[in-house]
Amino acid sequence: MANIPKTLTVHNLKNWLNSTKENPIIIDVRETMEIGLASLPFVDIYIPMSEVSLDHVSSILSIHHDKKLVILCHRGIRSHNFAQWLIDNELAKEVWNLEEGIDGWSSYIDSSIPRY
């Protein structure tokens, strides 16, 4: 079986962040313009998809190699692709894709986050 990103619902992420477990590193792969429209206060790293390169991402993640990563975007498609890329390039061991992305977070968790 191929190694693929794990899926994570917005409800599961909220519970994880509110638990006593070690928090994951949250990576937002949306573009700068999108982050200007809406952002989440708990994002650790922004890596716009237009700036993704093996060297760039490798240097950013080198200190987080053994950490659990949660990748998010607008609706979960780009984040899934980026999460799979991380796995394929062996840049991370545990990677989750946030299903429905920031749009789902706004819809189900925090309506103060603007939808776009």
C-alpha atoms as a PDB file:
ATOM      1  CA  MET A   1       0.000   0.000   0.000  1.00  0.00           C
ATOM      2  CA  ALA A   2       1.310   3.439  -0.937  1.00  0.00           C
ATOM      3  CA  ASN A   3       2.187   5.907   1.760  1.00  0.00           C
ATOM      4  CA  ILE A   4      -0.433   8.663   1.589  1.00  0.00           C
ATOM      5  CA  PRO A   5      -1.361  11.615   3.806  1.00  0.00           C
ATOM      6  CA  LYS A   6      -3.728  10.912   6.663  1.00  0.00           C
ATOM      7  CA  THR A   7      -7.014  12.784   6.604  1.00  0.00           C
ATOM      8  CA  LEU A   8      -8.043  15.085   9.426  1.00  0.00           C
ATOM      9  CA  THR A   9     -11.397  16.799   9.859  1.00  0.00           C
ATOM     10  CA  VAL A  10     -11.639  20.310  11.235  1.00  0.00           C
ATOM     11  CA  HIS A  11     -13.359  18.879  14.331  1.00  0.00           C
ATOM     12  CA  ASN A  12     -10.480  16.437  14.867  1.00  0.00           C
ATOM     13  CA  LEU A  13      -7.943  19.249  14.509  1.00  0.00           C
ATOM     14  CA  LYS A  14      -9.809  21.407  17.015  1.00  0.00           C
ATOM     15  CA  ASN A  15      -9.834  18.524  19.495  1.00  0.00           C
ATOM     16  CA  TRP A  16      -6.139  17.848  18.870  1.00  0.00           C
ATOM     17  CA  LEU A  17      -5.212  21.504  19.468  1.00  0.00           C
ATOM     18  CA  ASN A  18      -7.283  21.547  22.674  1.00  0.00           C
ATOM     19  CA  SER A  19      -5.846  18.271  23.980  1.00  0.00           C
ATOM     20  CA  THR A  20      -2.782  17.641  26.097  1.00  0.00           C
ATOM     21  CA  LYS A  21      -1.051  15.881  23.186  1.00  0.00           C
ATOM     22  CA  GLU A  22       1.863  17.623  21.532  1.00  0.00           C
ATOM     23  CA  ASN A  23       0.483  19.981  18.912  1.00  0.00           C
ATOM     24  CA  PRO A  24       1.347  19.348  15.283  1.00  0.00           C
ATOM     25  CA  ILE A  25       3.167  21.866  13.133  1.00  0.00           C
ATOM     26  CA  ILE A  26       0.460  23.583  11.050  1.00  0.00           C
ATOM     27  CA  ILE A  27       1.496  24.518   7.509  1.00  0.00           C
ATOM     28  CA  ASP A  28      -0.689  26.716   5.302  1.00  0.00           C
ATOM     29  CA  VAL A  29       0.059  26.388   1.576  1.00  0.00           C
ATOM     30  CA  ARG A  30      -2.330  29.077   0.336  1.00  0.00           C
ATOM     31  CA  GLU A  31      -1.043  32.050  -1.628  1.00  0.00           C
ATOM     32  CA  THR A  32      -0.231  35.373   0.056  1.00  0.00           C
ATOM     33  CA  MET A  33      -3.364  37.033  -1.353  1.00  0.00           C
ATOM     34  CA  GLU A  34      -5.537  34.314   0.206  1.00  0.00           C
ATOM     35  CA  ILE A  35      -3.860  34.680   3.591  1.00  0.00           C
ATOM     36  CA  GLY A  36      -4.733  38.383   3.396  1.00  0.00           C
ATOM     37  CA  LEU A  37      -8.401  37.425   3.001  1.00  0.00           C
ATOM     38  CA  ALA A  38      -8.514  34.926   5.870  1.00  0.00           C
ATOM     39  CA  SER A  39      -6.024  33.276   8.189  1.00  0.00           C
ATOM     40  CA  LEU A  40      -5.983  31.007  11.201  1.00  0.00           C
ATOM     41  CA  PRO A  41      -4.221  32.183  14.376  1.00  0.00           C
ATOM     42  CA  PHE A  42      -2.496  28.853  15.018  1.00  0.00           C
ATOM     43  CA  VAL A  43      -0.637  28.405  11.709  1.00  0.00           C
ATOM     44  CA  ASP A  44       3.083  27.862  12.302  1.00  0.00           C
ATOM     45  CA  ILE A  45       4.476  28.072   8.761  1.00  0.00           C
ATOM     46  CA  TYR A  46       3.280  29.610   5.496  1.00  0.00           C
ATOM     47  CA  ILE A  47       4.627  28.026   2.302  1.00  0.00           C
ATOM     48  CA  PRO A  48       2.677  29.321  -0.717  1.00  0.00           C
ATOM     49  CA  MET A  49       2.362  26.610  -3.358  1.00  0.00           C
ATOM     50  CA  SER A  50       3.870  28.985  -5.920  1.00  0.00           C
ATOM     51  CA  GLU A  51       7.093  29.014  -3.863  1.00  0.00           C
ATOM     52  CA  VAL A  52       7.427  25.268  -3.335  1.00  0.00           C
ATOM     53  CA  SER A  53      10.771  23.807  -4.255  1.00  0.00           C
ATOM     54  CA  LEU A  54      12.626  20.871  -2.782  1.00  0.00           C
ATOM     55  CA  ASP A  55      15.480  23.020  -1.443  1.00  0.00           C
ATOM     56  CA  HIS A  56      13.194  25.700   0.005  1.00  0.00           C
ATOM     57  CA  VAL A  57      10.841  23.299   1.773  1.00  0.00           C
ATOM     58  CA  SER A  58      13.654  21.010   2.895  1.00  0.00           C
ATOM     59  CA  SER A  59      15.414  23.903   4.640  1.00  0.00           C
ATOM     60  CA  ILE A  60      12.194  25.055   6.326  1.00  0.00           C
ATOM     61  CA  LEU A  61      11.264  21.582   7.546  1.00  0.00           C
ATOM     62  CA  SER A  62      14.723  20.387   8.540  1.00  0.00           C
ATOM     63  CA  ILE A  63      14.118  21.352  12.185  1.00  0.00           C
ATOM     64  CA  HIS A  64      10.630  19.798  12.137  1.00  0.00           C
ATOM     65  CA  HIS A  65      11.526  16.447  10.527  1.00  0.00           C
ATOM     66  CA  ASP A  66      10.266  14.315  13.411  1.00  0.00           C
ATOM     67  CA  LYS A  67       7.178  16.429  14.091  1.00  0.00           C
ATOM     68  CA  LYS A  68       3.632  15.677  13.054  1.00  0.00           C
ATOM     69  CA  LEU A  69       2.558  18.019  10.264  1.00  0.00           C
ATOM     70  CA  VAL A  70      -0.936  19.208   9.370  1.00  0.00           C
ATOM     71  CA  ILE A  71      -1.227  20.825   5.954  1.00  0.00           C
ATOM     72  CA  LEU A  72      -4.083  23.148   5.045  1.00  0.00           C
ATOM     73  CA  CYS A  73      -5.240  25.257   2.145  1.00  0.00           C
ATOM     74  CA  HIS A  74      -8.592  26.708   1.089  1.00  0.00           C
ATOM     75  CA  ARG A  75     -10.555  23.461   0.666  1.00  0.00           C
ATOM     76  CA  GLY A  76      -8.070  20.615   1.062  1.00  0.00           C
ATOM     77  CA  ILE A  77      -6.954  19.876  -2.482  1.00  0.00           C
ATOM     78  CA  ARG A  78      -3.651  21.757  -2.708  1.00  0.00           C
ATOM     79  CA  SER A  79      -2.820  20.707   0.846  1.00  0.00           C
ATOM     80  CA  HIS A  80      -3.371  17.052  -0.060  1.00  0.00           C
ATOM     81  CA  ASN A  81      -1.085  17.416  -3.076  1.00  0.00           C
ATOM     82  CA  PHE A  82       1.585  19.145  -0.962  1.00  0.00           C
ATOM     83  CA  ALA A  83       1.276  16.540   1.796  1.00  0.00           C
ATOM     84  CA  GLN A  84       1.746  13.763  -0.761  1.00  0.00           C
ATOM     85  CA  TRP A  85       4.757  15.610  -2.186  1.00  0.00           C
ATOM     86  CA  LEU A  86       6.281  15.796   1.321  1.00  0.00           C
ATOM     87  CA  ILE A  87       5.833  12.042   1.729  1.00  0.00           C
ATOM     88  CA  ASP A  88       7.137  11.234  -1.763  1.00  0.00           C
ATOM     89  CA  ASN A  89      10.251  13.336  -1.117  1.00  0.00           C
ATOM     90  CA  GLU A  90      10.726  11.885   2.387  1.00  0.00           C
ATOM     91  CA  LEU A  91      10.582  15.319   4.006  1.00  0.00           C
ATOM     92  CA  ALA A  92       8.162  14.268   6.729  1.00  0.00           C
ATOM     93  CA  LYS A  93       7.189  11.107   8.574  1.00  0.00           C
ATOM     94  CA  GLU A  94       3.656  11.922   9.748  1.00  0.00           C
ATOM     95  CA  VAL A  95       1.533  14.148   7.550  1.00  0.00           C
ATOM     96  CA  TRP A  96      -2.161  14.978   7.822  1.00  0.00           C
ATOM     97  CA  ASN A  97      -4.283  16.819   5.281  1.00  0.00           C
ATOM     98  CA  LEU A  98      -6.965  19.086   6.737  1.00  0.00           C
ATOM     99  CA  GLU A  99     -10.139  18.125   4.894  1.00  0.00           C
ATOM    100  CA  GLU A 100     -12.162  21.133   3.747  1.00  0.00           C
ATOM    101  CA  GLY A 101      -9.288  23.454   4.746  1.00  0.00           C
ATOM    102  CA  ILE A 102      -9.834  26.936   6.102  1.00  0.00           C
ATOM    103  CA  ASP A 103     -13.259  26.998   4.447  1.00  0.00           C
ATOM    104  CA  GLY A 104     -14.343  24.050   6.605  1.00  0.00           C
ATOM    105  CA  TRP A 105     -12.852  25.665   9.702  1.00  0.00           C
ATOM    106  CA  SER A 106     -14.898  28.804   9.016  1.00  0.00           C
ATOM    107  CA  SER A 107     -18.069  26.789   8.299  1.00  0.00           C
ATOM    108  CA  TYR A 108     -17.947  24.403  11.266  1.00  0.00           C
ATOM    109  CA  ILE A 109     -15.596  25.787  13.938  1.00  0.00           C
ATOM    110  CA  ASP A 110     -15.135  29.563  13.804  1.00  0.00           C
ATOM    111  CA  SER A 111     -17.512  31.656  11.696  1.00  0.00           C
ATOM    112  CA  SER A 112     -15.450  34.789  12.453  1.00  0.00           C
ATOM    113  CA  ILE A 113     -12.907  33.508   9.907  1.00  0.00           C
ATOM    114  CA  PRO A 114     -14.004  35.034   6.574  1.00  0.00           C
ATOM    115  CA  ARG A 115     -15.065  32.682   3.798  1.00  0.00           C
ATOM    116  CA  TYR A 116     -14.022  33.377   0.231  1.00  0.00           C
END
